[in-house]
Amino acid sequence: MELTTTIADAKATIQVVGKLSVATSPELESEVTKLPESITEFVLDLTDLEYVSSAGLRVLVMTQKLAARRGGTLTLLNTTDDVQEVLEMTGLADVFDIKR
């Protein structure tokens, strides 16, 4: 998995490329948790995310909770059909702000 983070003011956009699995989800969790406290708007660009496991979903939920604690938001951007299907099957599509 590859991560590219861009920060502009209080917004952090993380592009996630590859597979978000039990092996790679700690990388995304680390990337999110090391962001400065001033970040309140989290955007995960999932254009090139091929796969998400339950461990990956846990990190997405953790990011949502972090954003809420900071009074901010999490947006999932450009979910692929496969990832969107997993979000819908788990009921998380109703929890996240998803922009396709």
N, C-alpha and C. Protein backbone atom coordinates (compact mmCIF):
# COMPACT_ATOMS: atom_id res chain seq x y z
N MET A 1 0.85 -1.17 0.00
CA MET A 1 0.00 0.00 0.00
C MET A 1 0.89 1.24 0.00
N GLU A 2 0.44 2.24 -0.71
CA GLU A 2 1.15 3.52 -0.75
C GLU A 2 0.23 4.61 -0.22
N LEU A 3 0.79 5.52 0.56
CA LEU A 3 0.04 6.64 1.11
C LEU A 3 0.72 7.94 0.71
N THR A 4 -0.09 8.90 0.27
CA THR A 4 0.42 10.23 -0.02
C THR A 4 -0.48 11.21 0.72
N THR A 5 0.13 12.02 1.59
CA THR A 5 -0.64 12.95 2.41
C THR A 5 -0.35 14.38 1.99
N THR A 6 -1.43 15.14 1.83
CA THR A 6 -1.35 16.56 1.50
C THR A 6 -2.10 17.33 2.58
N ILE A 7 -1.47 18.35 3.12
CA ILE A 7 -2.11 19.16 4.16
C ILE A 7 -2.27 20.58 3.65
N ALA A 8 -3.48 21.12 3.81
CA ALA A 8 -3.77 22.51 3.47
C ALA A 8 -4.67 23.06 4.56
N ASP A 9 -4.15 24.00 5.33
CA ASP A 9 -4.86 24.58 6.46
C ASP A 9 -5.27 23.47 7.44
N ALA A 10 -6.57 23.31 7.70
CA ALA A 10 -7.04 22.30 8.66
C ALA A 10 -7.49 21.01 7.96
N LYS A 11 -7.11 20.87 6.69
CA LYS A 11 -7.55 19.72 5.90
C LYS A 11 -6.36 18.84 5.52
N ALA A 12 -6.52 17.54 5.77
CA ALA A 12 -5.51 16.56 5.34
C ALA A 12 -6.17 15.59 4.37
N THR A 13 -5.56 15.45 3.22
CA THR A 13 -6.03 14.48 2.23
C THR A 13 -4.98 13.38 2.13
N ILE A 14 -5.43 12.15 2.33
CA ILE A 14 -4.53 11.00 2.22
C ILE A 14 -5.00 10.15 1.06
N GLN A 15 -4.14 9.99 0.07
CA GLN A 15 -4.44 9.12 -1.06
C GLN A 15 -3.95 7.72 -0.68
N VAL A 16 -4.86 6.75 -0.78
CA VAL A 16 -4.56 5.37 -0.42
C VAL A 16 -4.54 4.54 -1.70
N VAL A 17 -3.39 3.90 -1.97
CA VAL A 17 -3.22 3.11 -3.19
C VAL A 17 -2.89 1.67 -2.81
N GLY A 18 -3.60 0.72 -3.38
CA GLY A 18 -3.31 -0.68 -3.14
C GLY A 18 -4.38 -1.37 -2.32
N LYS A 19 -3.93 -2.15 -1.34
CA LYS A 19 -4.85 -2.93 -0.52
C LYS A 19 -4.74 -2.51 0.94
N LEU A 20 -5.90 -2.29 1.56
CA LEU A 20 -5.96 -1.93 2.97
C LEU A 20 -6.37 -3.19 3.73
N SER A 21 -5.36 -3.89 4.24
CA SER A 21 -5.58 -5.20 4.85
C SER A 21 -5.01 -5.23 6.27
N VAL A 22 -5.05 -6.40 6.88
CA VAL A 22 -4.50 -6.55 8.22
C VAL A 22 -3.01 -6.22 8.22
N ALA A 23 -2.33 -6.49 7.13
CA ALA A 23 -0.90 -6.22 7.04
C ALA A 23 -0.58 -4.74 6.84
N THR A 24 -1.47 -4.01 6.16
CA THR A 24 -1.17 -2.62 5.81
C THR A 24 -1.95 -1.58 6.62
N SER A 25 -3.02 -1.98 7.26
CA SER A 25 -3.85 -1.00 7.99
C SER A 25 -3.08 -0.25 9.08
N PRO A 26 -2.07 -0.86 9.75
CA PRO A 26 -1.32 -0.08 10.73
C PRO A 26 -0.61 1.13 10.11
N GLU A 27 -0.23 1.04 8.84
CA GLU A 27 0.41 2.17 8.16
C GLU A 27 -0.55 3.36 8.07
N LEU A 28 -1.79 3.09 7.66
CA LEU A 28 -2.78 4.16 7.55
C LEU A 28 -3.12 4.70 8.94
N GLU A 29 -3.26 3.83 9.91
CA GLU A 29 -3.56 4.29 11.27
C GLU A 29 -2.45 5.22 11.78
N SER A 30 -1.21 4.85 11.54
CA SER A 30 -0.09 5.68 11.94
C SER A 30 -0.10 7.02 11.23
N GLU A 31 -0.38 6.99 9.94
CA GLU A 31 -0.42 8.23 9.15
C GLU A 31 -1.49 9.18 9.68
N VAL A 32 -2.65 8.64 10.03
CA VAL A 32 -3.76 9.46 10.53
C VAL A 32 -3.44 10.00 11.92
N THR A 33 -2.95 9.15 12.81
CA THR A 33 -2.74 9.57 14.19
C THR A 33 -1.58 10.54 14.35
N LYS A 34 -0.64 10.56 13.40
CA LYS A 34 0.47 11.50 13.52
C LYS A 34 0.15 12.89 12.95
N LEU A 35 -1.04 13.05 12.37
CA LEU A 35 -1.43 14.35 11.84
C LEU A 35 -1.56 15.35 12.99
N PRO A 36 -1.21 16.61 12.74
CA PRO A 36 -1.30 17.62 13.80
C PRO A 36 -2.73 17.77 14.34
N GLU A 37 -2.82 18.20 15.60
CA GLU A 37 -4.11 18.43 16.25
C GLU A 37 -4.96 19.45 15.50
N SER A 38 -4.30 20.32 14.74
CA SER A 38 -5.03 21.37 14.01
C SER A 38 -5.84 20.82 12.84
N ILE A 39 -5.59 19.57 12.45
CA ILE A 39 -6.34 18.96 11.35
C ILE A 39 -7.71 18.53 11.86
N THR A 40 -8.74 19.07 11.24
CA THR A 40 -10.11 18.70 11.61
C THR A 40 -10.88 18.11 10.44
N GLU A 41 -10.39 18.34 9.24
CA GLU A 41 -11.06 17.80 8.04
C GLU A 41 -10.16 16.72 7.43
N PHE A 42 -10.65 15.50 7.49
CA PHE A 42 -9.91 14.35 6.97
C PHE A 42 -10.57 13.88 5.67
N VAL A 43 -9.77 13.72 4.64
CA VAL A 43 -10.26 13.20 3.36
C VAL A 43 -9.39 12.01 2.99
N LEU A 44 -10.03 10.87 2.77
CA LEU A 44 -9.31 9.70 2.28
C LEU A 44 -9.70 9.49 0.83
N ASP A 45 -8.72 9.69 -0.05
CA ASP A 45 -8.95 9.50 -1.49
C ASP A 45 -8.72 8.02 -1.79
N LEU A 46 -9.80 7.32 -2.08
CA LEU A 46 -9.76 5.87 -2.28
C LEU A 46 -9.86 5.47 -3.74
N THR A 47 -9.53 6.40 -4.64
CA THR A 47 -9.61 6.16 -6.08
C THR A 47 -8.89 4.87 -6.48
N ASP A 48 -7.72 4.64 -5.88
CA ASP A 48 -6.89 3.49 -6.26
C ASP A 48 -6.81 2.43 -5.17
N LEU A 49 -7.81 2.41 -4.28
CA LEU A 49 -7.86 1.36 -3.26
C LEU A 49 -8.55 0.16 -3.87
N GLU A 50 -7.83 -0.96 -3.95
CA GLU A 50 -8.34 -2.16 -4.62
C GLU A 50 -9.15 -3.06 -3.69
N TYR A 51 -8.84 -3.00 -2.39
CA TYR A 51 -9.41 -3.97 -1.45
C TYR A 51 -9.38 -3.38 -0.05
N VAL A 52 -10.41 -3.67 0.74
CA VAL A 52 -10.41 -3.28 2.15
C VAL A 52 -10.89 -4.46 2.98
N SER A 53 -10.13 -4.79 4.02
CA SER A 53 -10.50 -5.89 4.92
C SER A 53 -11.17 -5.31 6.15
N SER A 54 -11.57 -6.19 7.07
CA SER A 54 -12.19 -5.72 8.31
C SER A 54 -11.20 -4.89 9.12
N ALA A 55 -9.91 -5.22 9.05
CA ALA A 55 -8.90 -4.42 9.75
C ALA A 55 -8.83 -3.01 9.14
N GLY A 56 -8.97 -2.94 7.83
CA GLY A 56 -8.99 -1.64 7.17
C GLY A 56 -10.23 -0.84 7.54
N LEU A 57 -11.36 -1.52 7.63
CA LEU A 57 -12.60 -0.85 8.05
C LEU A 57 -12.46 -0.28 9.45
N ARG A 58 -11.76 -1.01 10.33
CA ARG A 58 -11.54 -0.53 11.69
C ARG A 58 -10.79 0.80 11.68
N VAL A 59 -9.80 0.93 10.80
CA VAL A 59 -9.03 2.17 10.71
C VAL A 59 -9.91 3.30 10.18
N LEU A 60 -10.79 3.00 9.25
CA LEU A 60 -11.71 4.02 8.75
C LEU A 60 -12.62 4.51 9.87
N VAL A 61 -13.14 3.59 10.67
CA VAL A 61 -14.00 3.96 11.80
C VAL A 61 -13.20 4.77 12.83
N MET A 62 -11.97 4.36 13.10
CA MET A 62 -11.11 5.09 14.03
C MET A 62 -10.89 6.53 13.54
N THR A 63 -10.68 6.68 12.23
CA THR A 63 -10.47 8.01 11.66
C THR A 63 -11.73 8.86 11.81
N GLN A 64 -12.88 8.24 11.59
CA GLN A 64 -14.16 8.94 11.77
C GLN A 64 -14.30 9.44 13.21
N LYS A 65 -13.96 8.59 14.16
CA LYS A 65 -14.06 8.97 15.58
C LYS A 65 -13.07 10.08 15.93
N LEU A 66 -11.86 10.02 15.38
CA LEU A 66 -10.87 11.06 15.62
C LEU A 66 -11.36 12.40 15.08
N ALA A 67 -11.90 12.37 13.88
CA ALA A 67 -12.43 13.59 13.27
C ALA A 67 -13.55 14.16 14.14
N ALA A 68 -14.44 13.31 14.62
CA ALA A 68 -15.56 13.76 15.46
C ALA A 68 -15.04 14.36 16.76
N ARG A 69 -14.04 13.74 17.37
CA ARG A 69 -13.46 14.28 18.62
C ARG A 69 -12.87 15.66 18.41
N ARG A 70 -12.37 15.91 17.23
CA ARG A 70 -11.78 17.21 16.91
C ARG A 70 -12.82 18.19 16.38
N GLY A 71 -14.08 17.77 16.34
CA GLY A 71 -15.13 18.64 15.84
C GLY A 71 -15.11 18.77 14.33
N GLY A 72 -14.54 17.77 13.67
CA GLY A 72 -14.39 17.84 12.22
C GLY A 72 -15.14 16.76 11.49
N THR A 73 -14.65 16.44 10.30
CA THR A 73 -15.34 15.50 9.42
C THR A 73 -14.34 14.55 8.76
N LEU A 74 -14.88 13.43 8.30
CA LEU A 74 -14.15 12.49 7.45
C LEU A 74 -14.96 12.31 6.18
N THR A 75 -14.29 12.43 5.05
CA THR A 75 -14.91 12.18 3.75
C THR A 75 -14.13 11.08 3.05
N LEU A 76 -14.85 10.09 2.54
CA LEU A 76 -14.25 9.06 1.70
C LEU A 76 -14.52 9.46 0.26
N LEU A 77 -13.47 9.64 -0.49
CA LEU A 77 -13.55 10.19 -1.84
C LEU A 77 -13.28 9.10 -2.88
N ASN A 78 -14.15 9.03 -3.87
CA ASN A 78 -13.95 8.16 -5.03
C ASN A 78 -13.80 6.68 -4.67
N THR A 79 -14.72 6.16 -3.90
CA THR A 79 -14.66 4.73 -3.57
C THR A 79 -14.90 3.91 -4.84
N THR A 80 -14.11 2.85 -4.98
CA THR A 80 -14.30 1.94 -6.11
C THR A 80 -15.57 1.12 -5.88
N ASP A 81 -16.04 0.47 -6.91
CA ASP A 81 -17.24 -0.36 -6.77
C ASP A 81 -17.05 -1.45 -5.71
N ASP A 82 -15.88 -2.10 -5.71
CA ASP A 82 -15.63 -3.17 -4.75
C ASP A 82 -15.62 -2.65 -3.31
N VAL A 83 -14.95 -1.55 -3.09
CA VAL A 83 -14.89 -0.97 -1.74
C VAL A 83 -16.28 -0.48 -1.33
N GLN A 84 -16.99 0.15 -2.26
CA GLN A 84 -18.34 0.63 -1.95
C GLN A 84 -19.25 -0.54 -1.56
N GLU A 85 -19.10 -1.67 -2.24
CA GLU A 85 -19.91 -2.84 -1.93
C GLU A 85 -19.65 -3.32 -0.50
N VAL A 86 -18.39 -3.33 -0.09
CA VAL A 86 -18.05 -3.73 1.29
C VAL A 86 -18.65 -2.75 2.29
N LEU A 87 -18.56 -1.47 2.00
CA LEU A 87 -19.14 -0.46 2.90
C LEU A 87 -20.65 -0.63 3.01
N GLU A 88 -21.31 -0.94 1.91
CA GLU A 88 -22.76 -1.13 1.93
C GLU A 88 -23.14 -2.41 2.67
N MET A 89 -22.38 -3.49 2.44
CA MET A 89 -22.69 -4.77 3.10
C MET A 89 -22.53 -4.67 4.61
N THR A 90 -21.59 -3.85 5.07
CA THR A 90 -21.34 -3.72 6.51
C THR A 90 -22.20 -2.64 7.16
N GLY A 91 -22.93 -1.88 6.37
CA GLY A 91 -23.74 -0.80 6.91
C GLY A 91 -22.95 0.49 7.11
N LEU A 92 -21.67 0.47 6.80
CA LEU A 92 -20.83 1.65 7.01
C LEU A 92 -21.06 2.72 5.95
N ALA A 93 -21.69 2.36 4.85
CA ALA A 93 -22.00 3.36 3.82
C ALA A 93 -22.94 4.42 4.38
N ASP A 94 -23.72 4.05 5.38
CA ASP A 94 -24.64 5.00 6.01
C ASP A 94 -23.95 5.84 7.08
N VAL A 95 -22.76 5.43 7.50
CA VAL A 95 -22.03 6.11 8.57
C VAL A 95 -21.10 7.17 8.00
N PHE A 96 -20.44 6.83 6.89
CA PHE A 96 -19.44 7.72 6.31
C PHE A 96 -20.04 8.69 5.31
N ASP A 97 -19.38 9.85 5.19
CA ASP A 97 -19.69 10.80 4.12
C ASP A 97 -18.88 10.34 2.90
N ILE A 98 -19.57 9.82 1.90
CA ILE A 98 -18.91 9.24 0.73
C ILE A 98 -19.21 10.11 -0.49
N LYS A 99 -18.16 10.54 -1.16
CA LYS A 99 -18.30 11.33 -2.39
C LYS A 99 -17.74 10.49 -3.54
N ARG A 100 -18.62 10.05 -4.41
CA ARG A 100 -18.19 9.21 -5.53
C ARG A 100 -18.12 10.05 -6.76
